[in-house]
């Protein structure tokens, strides 16, 4: 099972619907086992973080040195959005 920092690496490798589904399972397991490490523990704060990251994700990819059209979402980007929502604050 992937958790913790390994989730960031796994999210970068998500390329298909099956990868994304597996990532969501790992993210859920991470929440169950490492909830104390999550900034956004409630659904309300998680969704707020998700929305905030969705608005600001162009900056995230620029800071990572990636030229990505954030209007054309990929399975990888969807996984990275969910992962960011565990800690992202508006």
C-alpha atoms as a PDB file:
ATOM      1  CA  UNK A   1       0.000   0.000   0.000  1.00  0.00           C
ATOM      2  CA  UNK A   2       1.318   3.440  -0.925  1.00  0.00           C
ATOM      3  CA  UNK A   3       1.074   6.223   1.666  1.00  0.00           C
ATOM      4  CA  UNK A   4       2.795   9.328   2.952  1.00  0.00           C
ATOM      5  CA  UNK A   5       5.462  10.833   0.714  1.00  0.00           C
ATOM      6  CA  UNK A   6       5.166   7.895  -1.704  1.00  0.00           C
ATOM      7  CA  UNK A   7       1.715   9.215  -2.639  1.00  0.00           C
ATOM      8  CA  UNK A   8       3.361  12.227  -4.285  1.00  0.00           C
ATOM      9  CA  UNK A   9       5.475   9.964  -6.479  1.00  0.00           C
ATOM     10  CA  UNK A  10       2.536   7.710  -7.278  1.00  0.00           C
ATOM     11  CA  UNK A  11       0.385  10.726  -8.219  1.00  0.00           C
ATOM     12  CA  UNK A  12       3.053  11.825 -10.722  1.00  0.00           C
ATOM     13  CA  UNK A  13       2.793   8.412 -12.419  1.00  0.00           C
ATOM     14  CA  UNK A  14      -1.014   8.293 -12.733  1.00  0.00           C
ATOM     15  CA  UNK A  15      -1.759   7.932 -16.452  1.00  0.00           C
ATOM     16  CA  UNK A  16      -5.031   6.038 -16.666  1.00  0.00           C
ATOM     17  CA  UNK A  17      -8.431   5.632 -15.077  1.00  0.00           C
ATOM     18  CA  UNK A  18      -7.216   2.435 -13.392  1.00  0.00           C
ATOM     19  CA  UNK A  19      -4.173   4.262 -11.965  1.00  0.00           C
ATOM     20  CA  UNK A  20      -6.457   7.016 -10.697  1.00  0.00           C
ATOM     21  CA  UNK A  21      -8.820   4.533  -9.030  1.00  0.00           C
ATOM     22  CA  UNK A  22      -5.845   2.865  -7.326  1.00  0.00           C
ATOM     23  CA  UNK A  23      -4.539   6.278  -6.244  1.00  0.00           C
ATOM     24  CA  UNK A  24      -7.900   7.139  -4.649  1.00  0.00           C
ATOM     25  CA  UNK A  25      -7.770   3.845  -2.713  1.00  0.00           C
ATOM     26  CA  UNK A  26      -4.257   4.684  -1.486  1.00  0.00           C
ATOM     27  CA  UNK A  27      -5.294   8.225  -0.564  1.00  0.00           C
ATOM     28  CA  UNK A  28      -8.230   6.877   1.434  1.00  0.00           C
ATOM     29  CA  UNK A  29      -5.944   4.411   3.231  1.00  0.00           C
ATOM     30  CA  UNK A  30      -3.522   7.261   3.953  1.00  0.00           C
ATOM     31  CA  UNK A  31      -6.379   9.246   5.487  1.00  0.00           C
ATOM     32  CA  UNK A  32      -7.446   6.308   7.655  1.00  0.00           C
ATOM     33  CA  UNK A  33      -3.915   5.538   8.821  1.00  0.00           C
ATOM     34  CA  UNK A  34      -2.280   8.971   8.921  1.00  0.00           C
ATOM     35  CA  UNK A  35      -5.153  11.384   9.501  1.00  0.00           C
ATOM     36  CA  UNK A  36      -3.067  13.334  12.009  1.00  0.00           C
ATOM     37  CA  UNK A  37      -0.768  14.388   9.121  1.00  0.00           C
ATOM     38  CA  UNK A  38      -3.640  15.809   7.080  1.00  0.00           C
ATOM     39  CA  UNK A  39      -4.266  19.554   7.306  1.00  0.00           C
ATOM     40  CA  UNK A  40      -7.818  19.197   5.964  1.00  0.00           C
ATOM     41  CA  UNK A  41      -9.453  16.461   8.020  1.00  0.00           C
ATOM     42  CA  UNK A  42     -13.131  17.309   7.399  1.00  0.00           C
ATOM     43  CA  UNK A  43     -14.934  16.984   4.086  1.00  0.00           C
ATOM     44  CA  UNK A  44     -15.680  20.713   4.182  1.00  0.00           C
ATOM     45  CA  UNK A  45     -12.030  21.724   4.598  1.00  0.00           C
ATOM     46  CA  UNK A  46     -10.890  19.079   2.077  1.00  0.00           C
ATOM     47  CA  UNK A  47     -13.297  20.392  -0.570  1.00  0.00           C
ATOM     48  CA  UNK A  48     -12.260  23.956   0.205  1.00  0.00           C
ATOM     49  CA  UNK A  49      -8.625  22.955  -0.307  1.00  0.00           C
ATOM     50  CA  UNK A  50      -9.531  21.166  -3.526  1.00  0.00           C
ATOM     51  CA  UNK A  51     -11.312  24.228  -4.870  1.00  0.00           C
ATOM     52  CA  UNK A  52      -8.461  26.517  -3.877  1.00  0.00           C
ATOM     53  CA  UNK A  53      -5.863  24.313  -5.490  1.00  0.00           C
ATOM     54  CA  UNK A  54      -7.954  24.053  -8.660  1.00  0.00           C
ATOM     55  CA  UNK A  55      -7.896  27.845  -8.880  1.00  0.00           C
ATOM     56  CA  UNK A  56      -4.153  28.105  -8.193  1.00  0.00           C
ATOM     57  CA  UNK A  57      -2.819  24.970  -9.880  1.00  0.00           C
ATOM     58  CA  UNK A  58      -1.320  26.861 -12.816  1.00  0.00           C
ATOM     59  CA  UNK A  59       1.150  28.376 -10.368  1.00  0.00           C
ATOM     60  CA  UNK A  60       1.900  24.971  -8.884  1.00  0.00           C
ATOM     61  CA  UNK A  61       2.887  23.539 -12.257  1.00  0.00           C
ATOM     62  CA  UNK A  62       4.929  26.646 -13.151  1.00  0.00           C
ATOM     63  CA  UNK A  63       6.789  26.332  -9.829  1.00  0.00           C
ATOM     64  CA  UNK A  64       7.477  22.685 -10.651  1.00  0.00           C
ATOM     65  CA  UNK A  65       8.956  23.744 -14.008  1.00  0.00           C
ATOM     66  CA  UNK A  66       6.146  22.160 -16.018  1.00  0.00           C
ATOM     67  CA  UNK A  67       4.325  23.795 -18.888  1.00  0.00           C
ATOM     68  CA  UNK A  68       0.837  22.328 -18.571  1.00  0.00           C
ATOM     69  CA  UNK A  69      -2.479  23.573 -19.903  1.00  0.00           C
ATOM     70  CA  UNK A  70      -4.580  23.369 -16.737  1.00  0.00           C
ATOM     71  CA  UNK A  71      -7.754  23.577 -18.827  1.00  0.00           C
ATOM     72  CA  UNK A  72      -7.050  20.100 -20.239  1.00  0.00           C
ATOM     73  CA  UNK A  73      -7.239  17.889 -17.162  1.00  0.00           C
ATOM     74  CA  UNK A  74      -5.528  14.510 -17.112  1.00  0.00           C
ATOM     75  CA  UNK A  75      -5.837  11.581 -14.714  1.00  0.00           C
ATOM     76  CA  UNK A  76      -2.465  12.624 -13.281  1.00  0.00           C
ATOM     77  CA  UNK A  77      -3.681  16.166 -12.638  1.00  0.00           C
ATOM     78  CA  UNK A  78      -6.866  14.864 -11.000  1.00  0.00           C
ATOM     79  CA  UNK A  79      -4.766  12.721  -8.642  1.00  0.00           C
ATOM     80  CA  UNK A  80      -2.479  15.651  -7.841  1.00  0.00           C
ATOM     81  CA  UNK A  81      -5.501  17.846  -7.134  1.00  0.00           C
ATOM     82  CA  UNK A  82      -6.871  15.344  -4.616  1.00  0.00           C
ATOM     83  CA  UNK A  83      -3.477  14.955  -2.999  1.00  0.00           C
ATOM     84  CA  UNK A  84      -3.027  18.714  -2.711  1.00  0.00           C
ATOM     85  CA  UNK A  85      -6.473  19.041  -1.124  1.00  0.00           C
ATOM     86  CA  UNK A  86      -5.295  17.131   1.932  1.00  0.00           C
ATOM     87  CA  UNK A  87      -3.065  20.071   2.895  1.00  0.00           C
ATOM     88  CA  UNK A  88      -3.959  23.090   0.704  1.00  0.00           C
ATOM     89  CA  UNK A  89      -5.438  26.120   2.459  1.00  0.00           C
ATOM     90  CA  UNK A  90      -7.259  28.993   0.769  1.00  0.00           C
END
